[in-house]
PDB file of N, CA and C in Angstrom:
ATOM      1  N   MET A   1      -9.323  95.903 -43.715  1.00  0.00           N
ATOM      2  CA  MET A   1      -9.943  96.621 -42.622  1.00  0.00           C
ATOM      3  C   MET A   1      -9.918  95.801 -41.346  1.00  0.00           C
ATOM      4  N   SER A   2      -9.745  94.522 -41.483  1.00  0.00           N
ATOM      5  CA  SER A   2      -9.703  93.705 -40.289  1.00  0.00           C
ATOM      6  C   SER A   2      -8.440  93.988 -39.480  1.00  0.00           C
ATOM      7  N   ASP A   3      -7.419  94.616 -40.089  1.00  0.00           N
ATOM      8  CA  ASP A   3      -6.208  94.969 -39.362  1.00  0.00           C
ATOM      9  C   ASP A   3      -6.457  96.103 -38.365  1.00  0.00           C
ATOM     10  N   GLN A   4      -7.435  96.970 -38.659  1.00  0.00           N
ATOM     11  CA  GLN A   4      -7.745  98.081 -37.764  1.00  0.00           C
ATOM     12  C   GLN A   4      -8.445  97.602 -36.500  1.00  0.00           C
ATOM     13  N   PHE A   5      -9.194  96.566 -36.560  1.00  0.00           N
ATOM     14  CA  PHE A   5      -9.969  96.052 -35.435  1.00  0.00           C
ATOM     15  C   PHE A   5      -9.567  94.611 -35.166  1.00  0.00           C
ATOM     16  N   PRO A   6      -8.501  94.420 -34.409  1.00  0.00           N
ATOM     17  CA  PRO A   6      -8.094  93.036 -34.146  1.00  0.00           C
ATOM     18  C   PRO A   6      -9.178  92.310 -33.372  1.00  0.00           C
ATOM     19  N   SER A   7      -9.448  91.119 -33.772  1.00  0.00           N
ATOM     20  CA  SER A   7     -10.519  90.364 -33.137  1.00  0.00           C
ATOM     21  C   SER A   7     -10.042  88.999 -32.666  1.00  0.00           C
ATOM     22  N   SER A   8      -8.767  88.882 -32.423  1.00  0.00           N
ATOM     23  CA  SER A   8      -8.265  87.594 -31.979  1.00  0.00           C
ATOM     24  C   SER A   8      -8.775  87.298 -30.582  1.00  0.00           C
ATOM     25  N   SER A   9      -8.900  86.061 -30.236  1.00  0.00           N
ATOM     26  CA  SER A   9      -9.421  85.670 -28.928  1.00  0.00           C
ATOM     27  C   SER A   9      -8.466  86.076 -27.810  1.00  0.00           C
ATOM     28  N   ASP A  10      -7.162  86.173 -28.110  1.00  0.00           N
ATOM     29  CA  ASP A  10      -6.201  86.608 -27.097  1.00  0.00           C
ATOM     30  C   ASP A  10      -6.466  88.059 -26.694  1.00  0.00           C
ATOM     31  N   ASP A  11      -6.695  88.898 -27.691  1.00  0.00           N
ATOM     32  CA  ASP A  11      -6.974  90.303 -27.405  1.00  0.00           C
ATOM     33  C   ASP A  11      -8.284  90.447 -26.634  1.00  0.00           C
ATOM     34  N   LEU A  12      -9.266  89.666 -27.015  1.00  0.00           N
ATOM     35  CA  LEU A  12     -10.562  89.723 -26.325  1.00  0.00           C
ATOM     36  C   LEU A  12     -10.430  89.240 -24.892  1.00  0.00           C
ATOM     37  N   GLY A  13      -9.689  88.190 -24.679  1.00  0.00           N
ATOM     38  CA  GLY A  13      -9.466  87.672 -23.332  1.00  0.00           C
ATOM     39  C   GLY A  13      -8.713  88.669 -22.473  1.00  0.00           C
ATOM     40  N   SER A  14      -7.734  89.319 -23.071  1.00  0.00           N
ATOM     41  CA  SER A  14      -6.963  90.326 -22.344  1.00  0.00           C
ATOM     42  C   SER A  14      -7.846  91.511 -21.967  1.00  0.00           C
ATOM     43  N   LEU A  15      -8.697  91.902 -22.876  1.00  0.00           N
ATOM     44  CA  LEU A  15      -9.618  93.005 -22.620  1.00  0.00           C
ATOM     45  C   LEU A  15     -10.606  92.636 -21.510  1.00  0.00           C
ATOM     46  N   GLN A  16     -11.118  91.430 -21.550  1.00  0.00           N
ATOM     47  CA  GLN A  16     -12.040  90.977 -20.505  1.00  0.00           C
ATOM     48  C   GLN A  16     -11.353  90.927 -19.143  1.00  0.00           C
ATOM     49  N   ALA A  17     -10.100  90.479 -19.113  1.00  0.00           N
ATOM     50  CA  ALA A  17      -9.351  90.430 -17.861  1.00  0.00           C
ATOM     51  C   ALA A  17      -9.132  91.844 -17.318  1.00  0.00           C
ATOM     52  N   SER A  18      -8.823  92.771 -18.206  1.00  0.00           N
ATOM     53  CA  SER A  18      -8.636  94.163 -17.787  1.00  0.00           C
ATOM     54  C   SER A  18      -9.929  94.748 -17.236  1.00  0.00           C
ATOM     55  N   ILE A  19     -11.022  94.458 -17.889  1.00  0.00           N
ATOM     56  CA  ILE A  19     -12.332  94.944 -17.417  1.00  0.00           C
ATOM     57  C   ILE A  19     -12.640  94.351 -16.049  1.00  0.00           C
ATOM     58  N   GLN A  20     -12.340  93.073 -15.859  1.00  0.00           N
ATOM     59  CA  GLN A  20     -12.584  92.418 -14.575  1.00  0.00           C
ATOM     60  C   GLN A  20     -11.747  93.062 -13.464  1.00  0.00           C
ATOM     61  N   ARG A  21     -10.460  93.314 -13.748  1.00  0.00           N
ATOM     62  CA  ARG A  21      -9.597  93.973 -12.753  1.00  0.00           C
ATOM     63  C   ARG A  21     -10.120  95.362 -12.409  1.00  0.00           C
ATOM     64  N   LEU A  22     -10.516  96.113 -13.421  1.00  0.00           N
ATOM     65  CA  LEU A  22     -11.043  97.457 -13.176  1.00  0.00           C
ATOM     66  C   LEU A  22     -12.346  97.412 -12.386  1.00  0.00           C
ATOM     67  N   THR A  23     -13.173  96.430 -12.656  1.00  0.00           N
ATOM     68  CA  THR A  23     -14.430  96.274 -11.927  1.00  0.00           C
ATOM     69  C   THR A  23     -14.153  95.999 -10.454  1.00  0.00           C
ATOM     70  N   GLU A  24     -13.184  95.126 -10.182  1.00  0.00           N
ATOM     71  CA  GLU A  24     -12.826  94.811  -8.796  1.00  0.00           C
ATOM     72  C   GLU A  24     -12.240  96.030  -8.088  1.00  0.00           C
ATOM     73  N   LYS A  25     -11.376  96.761  -8.782  1.00  0.00           N
ATOM     74  CA  LYS A  25     -10.799  97.968  -8.186  1.00  0.00           C
ATOM     75  C   LYS A  25     -11.876  99.017  -7.925  1.00  0.00           C
ATOM     76  N   LEU A  26     -12.796  99.153  -8.841  1.00  0.00           N
ATOM     77  CA  LEU A  26     -13.878 100.112  -8.667  1.00  0.00           C
ATOM     78  C   LEU A  26     -14.739  99.743  -7.462  1.00  0.00           C
ATOM     79  N   ALA A  27     -14.979  98.463  -7.257  1.00  0.00           N
ATOM     80  CA  ALA A  27     -15.749  98.007  -6.098  1.00  0.00           C
ATOM     81  C   ALA A  27     -15.006  98.347  -4.807  1.00  0.00           C
ATOM     82  N   LEU A  28     -13.688  98.166  -4.793  1.00  0.00           N
ATOM     83  CA  LEU A  28     -12.889  98.501  -3.606  1.00  0.00           C
ATOM     84  C   LEU A  28     -12.926 100.002  -3.325  1.00  0.00           C
ATOM     85  N   VAL A  29     -12.804 100.793  -4.376  1.00  0.00           N
ATOM     86  CA  VAL A  29     -12.842 102.249  -4.210  1.00  0.00           C
ATOM     87  C   VAL A  29     -14.216 102.692  -3.713  1.00  0.00           C
ATOM     88  N   THR A  30     -15.259 102.111  -4.246  1.00  0.00           N
ATOM     89  CA  THR A  30     -16.616 102.452  -3.818  1.00  0.00           C
ATOM     90  C   THR A  30     -16.812 102.133  -2.348  1.00  0.00           C
ATOM     91  N   THR A  31     -16.347 100.974  -1.911  1.00  0.00           N
ATOM     92  CA  THR A  31     -16.445 100.590  -0.500  1.00  0.00           C
ATOM     93  C   THR A  31     -15.658 101.554   0.377  1.00  0.00           C
ATOM     94  N   ALA A  32     -14.456 101.920  -0.064  1.00  0.00           N
ATOM     95  CA  ALA A  32     -13.629 102.852   0.714  1.00  0.00           C
ATOM     96  C   ALA A  32     -14.299 104.215   0.829  1.00  0.00           C
ATOM     97  N   VAL A  33     -14.894 104.690  -0.239  1.00  0.00           N
ATOM     98  CA  VAL A  33     -15.581 105.991  -0.218  1.00  0.00           C
ATOM     99  C   VAL A  33     -16.773 105.941   0.732  1.00  0.00           C
ATOM    100  N   GLN A  34     -17.522 104.851   0.712  1.00  0.00           N
ATOM    101  CA  GLN A  34     -18.653 104.711   1.626  1.00  0.00           C
ATOM    102  C   GLN A  34     -18.191 104.701   3.074  1.00  0.00           C
ATOM    103  N   LYS A  35     -17.083 104.015   3.358  1.00  0.00           N
ATOM    104  CA  LYS A  35     -16.548 103.989   4.717  1.00  0.00           C
ATOM    105  C   LYS A  35     -16.090 105.382   5.141  1.00  0.00           C
ATOM    106  N   LEU A  36     -15.429 106.086   4.239  1.00  0.00           N
ATOM    107  CA  LEU A  36     -14.997 107.453   4.554  1.00  0.00           C
ATOM    108  C   LEU A  36     -16.188 108.364   4.841  1.00  0.00           C
ATOM    109  N   ALA A  37     -17.259 108.208   4.088  1.00  0.00           N
ATOM    110  CA  ALA A  37     -18.460 109.026   4.324  1.00  0.00           C
ATOM    111  C   ALA A  37     -19.044 108.723   5.698  1.00  0.00           C
ATOM    112  N   THR A  38     -19.082 107.446   6.063  1.00  0.00           N
ATOM    113  CA  THR A  38     -19.586 107.052   7.381  1.00  0.00           C
ATOM    114  C   THR A  38     -18.698 107.611   8.482  1.00  0.00           C
ATOM    115  N   ASP A  39     -17.383 107.478   8.298  1.00  0.00           N
ATOM    116  CA  ASP A  39     -16.435 108.003   9.285  1.00  0.00           C
ATOM    117  C   ASP A  39     -16.585 109.513   9.437  1.00  0.00           C
ATOM    118  N   ARG A  40     -16.799 110.192   8.336  1.00  0.00           N
ATOM    119  CA  ARG A  40     -16.945 111.655   8.386  1.00  0.00           C
ATOM    120  C   ARG A  40     -18.175 112.047   9.196  1.00  0.00           C
ATOM    121  N   VAL A  41     -19.278 111.348   8.981  1.00  0.00           N
ATOM    122  CA  VAL A  41     -20.496 111.635   9.740  1.00  0.00           C
ATOM    123  C   VAL A  41     -20.245 111.418  11.228  1.00  0.00           C
ATOM    124  N   GLN A  42     -19.567 110.329  11.575  1.00  0.00           N
ATOM    125  CA  GLN A  42     -19.270 110.049  12.980  1.00  0.00           C
ATOM    126  C   GLN A  42     -18.375 111.124  13.581  1.00  0.00           C
ATOM    127  N   LEU A  43     -17.376 111.567  12.826  1.00  0.00           N
ATOM    128  CA  LEU A  43     -16.479 112.617  13.328  1.00  0.00           C
ATOM    129  C   LEU A  43     -17.217 113.942  13.486  1.00  0.00           C
ATOM    130  N   GLU A  44     -18.116 114.253  12.562  1.00  0.00           N
ATOM    131  CA  GLU A  44     -18.902 115.483  12.675  1.00  0.00           C
ATOM    132  C   GLU A  44     -19.778 115.442  13.925  1.00  0.00           C
ATOM    133  N   GLU A  45     -20.342 114.267  14.234  1.00  0.00           N
ATOM    134  CA  GLU A  45     -21.157 114.123  15.442  1.00  0.00           C
ATOM    135  C   GLU A  45     -20.303 114.297  16.690  1.00  0.00           C
ATOM    136  N   LYS A  46     -19.084 113.741  16.685  1.00  0.00           N
ATOM    137  CA  LYS A  46     -18.188 113.891  17.831  1.00  0.00           C
ATOM    138  C   LYS A  46     -17.798 115.354  18.026  1.00  0.00           C
ATOM    139  N   ILE A  47     -17.533 116.047  16.933  1.00  0.00           N
ATOM    140  CA  ILE A  47     -17.183 117.469  17.016  1.00  0.00           C
ATOM    141  C   ILE A  47     -18.343 118.256  17.586  1.00  0.00           C
ATOM    142  N   GLU A  48     -19.552 117.961  17.123  1.00  0.00           N
ATOM    143  CA  GLU A  48     -20.739 118.664  17.620  1.00  0.00           C
ATOM    144  C   GLU A  48     -20.921 118.413  19.122  1.00  0.00           C
ATOM    145  N   ASP A  49     -20.731 117.173  19.552  1.00  0.00           N
ATOM    146  CA  ASP A  49     -20.847 116.858  20.984  1.00  0.00           C
ATOM    147  C   ASP A  49     -19.790 117.599  21.792  1.00  0.00           C
ATOM    148  N   ALA A  50     -18.560 117.641  21.279  1.00  0.00           N
ATOM    149  CA  ALA A  50     -17.485 118.350  21.978  1.00  0.00           C
ATOM    150  C   ALA A  50     -17.792 119.841  22.064  1.00  0.00           C
ATOM    151  N   GLN A  51     -18.333 120.409  20.998  1.00  0.00           N
ATOM    152  CA  GLN A  51     -18.695 121.830  21.017  1.00  0.00           C
ATOM    153  C   GLN A  51     -19.779 122.109  22.045  1.00  0.00           C
ATOM    154  N   LYS A  52     -20.727 121.189  22.175  1.00  0.00           N
ATOM    155  CA  LYS A  52     -21.780 121.355  23.180  1.00  0.00           C
ATOM    156  C   LYS A  52     -21.201 121.286  24.588  1.00  0.00           C
ATOM    157  N   ARG A  53     -20.271 120.346  24.813  1.00  0.00           N
ATOM    158  CA  ARG A  53     -19.645 120.247  26.136  1.00  0.00           C
ATOM    159  C   ARG A  53     -18.853 121.509  26.457  1.00  0.00           C
ATOM    160  N   ILE A  54     -18.115 122.011  25.476  1.00  0.00           N
ATOM    161  CA  ILE A  54     -17.343 123.237  25.687  1.00  0.00           C
ATOM    162  C   ILE A  54     -18.275 124.399  25.999  1.00  0.00           C
ATOM    163  N   GLN A  55     -19.364 124.501  25.255  1.00  0.00           N
ATOM    164  CA  GLN A  55     -20.323 125.582  25.500  1.00  0.00           C
ATOM    165  C   GLN A  55     -20.911 125.469  26.898  1.00  0.00           C
ATOM    166  N   HIS A  56     -21.186 124.248  27.337  1.00  0.00           N
ATOM    167  CA  HIS A  56     -21.728 124.042  28.681  1.00  0.00           C
ATOM    168  C   HIS A  56     -20.716 124.496  29.730  1.00  0.00           C
ATOM    169  N   ILE A  57     -19.448 124.133  29.541  1.00  0.00           N
ATOM    170  CA  ILE A  57     -18.397 124.552  30.479  1.00  0.00           C
ATOM    171  C   ILE A  57     -18.267 126.068  30.474  1.00  0.00           C
ATOM    172  N   LEU A  58     -18.264 126.660  29.290  1.00  0.00           N
ATOM    173  CA  LEU A  58     -18.131 128.121  29.201  1.00  0.00           C
ATOM    174  C   LEU A  58     -19.308 128.828  29.851  1.00  0.00           C
ATOM    175  N   SER A  59     -20.478 128.234  29.770  1.00  0.00           N
ATOM    176  CA  SER A  59     -21.654 128.868  30.376  1.00  0.00           C
ATOM    177  C   SER A  59     -21.578 128.839  31.898  1.00  0.00           C
ATOM    178  N   ARG A  60     -20.759 127.942  32.443  1.00  0.00           N
ATOM    179  CA  ARG A  60     -20.610 127.846  33.901  1.00  0.00           C
ATOM    180  C   ARG A  60     -19.528 128.770  34.438  1.00  0.00           C
ATOM    181  N   LEU A  61     -18.764 129.385  33.560  1.00  0.00           N
ATOM    182  CA  LEU A  61     -17.712 130.293  34.016  1.00  0.00           C
ATOM    183  C   LEU A  61     -18.334 131.506  34.691  1.00  0.00           C
ATOM    184  N   PRO A  62     -17.669 132.041  35.724  1.00  0.00           N
ATOM    185  CA  PRO A  62     -18.193 133.242  36.376  1.00  0.00           C
ATOM    186  C   PRO A  62     -18.094 134.446  35.439  1.00  0.00           C
ATOM    187  N   GLU A  63     -18.893 135.442  35.720  1.00  0.00           N
ATOM    188  CA  GLU A  63     -18.861 136.667  34.932  1.00  0.00           C
ATOM    189  C   GLU A  63     -17.488 137.313  35.069  1.00  0.00           C
ATOM    190  N   GLN A  64     -17.123 138.126  34.108  1.00  0.00           N
ATOM    191  CA  GLN A  64     -15.827 138.808  34.143  1.00  0.00           C
ATOM    192  C   GLN A  64     -15.696 139.706  35.375  1.00  0.00           C
ATOM    193  N   THR A  65     -16.792 140.262  35.860  1.00  0.00           N
ATOM    194  CA  THR A  65     -16.748 141.160  37.009  1.00  0.00           C
ATOM    195  C   THR A  65     -16.627 140.395  38.313  1.00  0.00           C
ATOM    196  N   ASP A  66     -16.856 139.088  38.278  1.00  0.00           N
ATOM    197  CA  ASP A  66     -16.770 138.262  39.476  1.00  0.00           C
ATOM    198  C   ASP A  66     -15.325 137.820  39.667  1.00  0.00           C
ATOM    199  N   GLY A  67     -14.690 138.223  40.771  1.00  0.00           N
ATOM    200  CA  GLY A  67     -13.305 137.897  41.010  1.00  0.00           C
ATOM    201  C   GLY A  67     -13.097 136.497  41.552  1.00  0.00           C
ATOM    202  N   ARG A  68     -14.148 135.813  41.926  1.00  0.00           N
ATOM    203  CA  ARG A  68     -14.008 134.464  42.481  1.00  0.00           C
ATOM    204  C   ARG A  68     -13.722 133.458  41.382  1.00  0.00           C
ATOM    205  N   GLN A  69     -13.123 132.354  41.771  1.00  0.00           N
ATOM    206  CA  GLN A  69     -12.903 131.264  40.834  1.00  0.00           C
ATOM    207  C   GLN A  69     -13.986 130.229  41.036  1.00  0.00           C
ATOM    208  N   MET A  70     -14.371 129.575  39.956  1.00  0.00           N
ATOM    209  CA  MET A  70     -15.395 128.538  40.058  1.00  0.00           C
ATOM    210  C   MET A  70     -14.771 127.194  39.721  1.00  0.00           C
ATOM    211  N   ASN A  71     -15.156 126.197  40.477  1.00  0.00           N
ATOM    212  CA  ASN A  71     -14.703 124.848  40.198  1.00  0.00           C
ATOM    213  C   ASN A  71     -15.560 124.302  39.064  1.00  0.00           C
ATOM    214  N   LEU A  72     -14.966 124.136  37.869  1.00  0.00           N
ATOM    215  CA  LEU A  72     -15.721 123.729  36.692  1.00  0.00           C
ATOM    216  C   LEU A  72     -16.131 122.262  36.727  1.00  0.00           C
ATOM    217  N   LEU A  73     -15.462 121.487  37.541  1.00  0.00           N
ATOM    218  CA  LEU A  73     -15.803 120.065  37.610  1.00  0.00           C
ATOM    219  C   LEU A  73     -16.917 119.794  38.608  1.00  0.00           C
ATOM    220  N   GLY A  74     -17.307 120.810  39.382  1.00  0.00           N
ATOM    221  CA  GLY A  74     -18.405 120.639  40.309  1.00  0.00           C
ATOM    222  C   GLY A  74     -18.004 119.976  41.603  1.00  0.00           C
ATOM    223  N   GLU A  75     -16.716 119.793  41.856  1.00  0.00           N
ATOM    224  CA  GLU A  75     -16.265 119.175  43.091  1.00  0.00           C
ATOM    225  C   GLU A  75     -16.235 120.232  44.179  1.00  0.00           C
ATOM    226  N   SER A  76     -16.538 119.830  45.402  1.00  0.00           N
ATOM    227  CA  SER A  76     -16.496 120.790  46.499  1.00  0.00           C
ATOM    228  C   SER A  76     -15.054 120.965  46.939  1.00  0.00           C
ATOM    229  N   SER A  77     -14.708 122.174  47.277  1.00  0.00           N
ATOM    230  CA  SER A  77     -13.355 122.452  47.738  1.00  0.00           C
ATOM    231  C   SER A  77     -13.432 123.499  48.832  1.00  0.00           C
ATOM    232  N   ALA A  78     -12.358 123.608  49.580  1.00  0.00           N
ATOM    233  CA  ALA A  78     -12.322 124.580  50.678  1.00  0.00           C
ATOM    234  C   ALA A  78     -12.310 125.980  50.087  1.00  0.00           C
ATOM    235  N   PRO A  79     -13.017 126.927  50.713  1.00  0.00           N
ATOM    236  CA  PRO A  79     -13.033 128.299  50.189  1.00  0.00           C
ATOM    237  C   PRO A  79     -11.659 128.934  50.307  1.00  0.00           C
ATOM    238  N   GLU A  80     -11.362 129.791  49.358  1.00  0.00           N
ATOM    239  CA  GLU A  80     -10.098 130.513  49.357  1.00  0.00           C
ATOM    240  C   GLU A  80     -10.142 131.606  50.411  1.00  0.00           C
ATOM    241  N   PRO A  81      -9.009 131.880  51.085  1.00  0.00           N
ATOM    242  CA  PRO A  81      -8.996 132.968  52.063  1.00  0.00           C
ATOM    243  C   PRO A  81      -9.238 134.310  51.370  1.00  0.00           C
ATOM    244  N   GLU A  82      -9.951 135.170  52.055  1.00  0.00           N
ATOM    245  CA  GLU A  82     -10.326 136.465  51.488  1.00  0.00           C
ATOM    246  C   GLU A  82      -9.123 137.375  51.278  1.00  0.00           C
ATOM    247  N   ASP A  83      -8.112 137.279  52.169  1.00  0.00           N
ATOM    248  CA  ASP A  83      -7.004 138.220  52.087  1.00  0.00           C
ATOM    249  C   ASP A  83      -5.964 137.821  51.040  1.00  0.00           C
ATOM    250  N   GLY A  84      -6.121 136.677  50.396  1.00  0.00           N
ATOM    251  CA  GLY A  84      -5.214 136.259  49.348  1.00  0.00           C
ATOM    252  C   GLY A  84      -3.970 135.556  49.865  1.00  0.00           C
ATOM    253  N   ASN A  85      -3.812 135.473  51.191  1.00  0.00           N
ATOM    254  CA  ASN A  85      -2.659 134.778  51.761  1.00  0.00           C
ATOM    255  C   ASN A  85      -2.967 133.300  51.894  1.00  0.00           C
ATOM    256  N   GLU A  86      -1.956 132.511  51.696  1.00  0.00           N
ATOM    257  CA  GLU A  86      -2.126 131.071  51.857  1.00  0.00           C
ATOM    258  C   GLU A  86      -2.206 130.752  53.350  1.00  0.00           C
ATOM    259  N   PRO A  87      -3.012 129.777  53.741  1.00  0.00           N
ATOM    260  CA  PRO A  87      -3.060 129.396  55.147  1.00  0.00           C
ATOM    261  C   PRO A  87      -1.716 128.789  55.559  1.00  0.00           C
ATOM    262  N   THR A  88      -1.315 129.062  56.775  1.00  0.00           N
ATOM    263  CA  THR A  88      -0.048 128.532  57.280  1.00  0.00           C
ATOM    264  C   THR A  88      -0.315 127.441  58.268  1.00  0.00           C
ATOM    265  N   THR A  89       0.665 126.586  58.444  1.00  0.00           N
ATOM    266  CA  THR A  89       0.520 125.478  59.380  1.00  0.00           C
ATOM    267  C   THR A  89       1.381 125.672  60.615  1.00  0.00           C
ATOM    268  N   HIS A  90       2.044 126.796  60.768  1.00  0.00           N
ATOM    269  CA  HIS A  90       2.895 127.003  61.951  1.00  0.00           C
ATOM    270  C   HIS A  90       2.345 128.049  62.863  1.00  0.00           C
TER     271      HIS A  90
END
């Protein structure tokens, strides 16, 4: 029956080495998963912030019935001519 369960020190040492390698790999995988979870939370926060900025910009758009254009950046600019013609310099 001792043939079914080898108990030589070489086999035991090999098994211990394999367990050690697997333990180290498992630690690396665990660290990587934790980093991915952290990165995901950060990306979700960035997406939420971007959605808020987009919503803010969209809320500043003029109504569909308003034919005027609005400067979304808030910079002052010269008013557009009412007749739709570009101003001439000659």
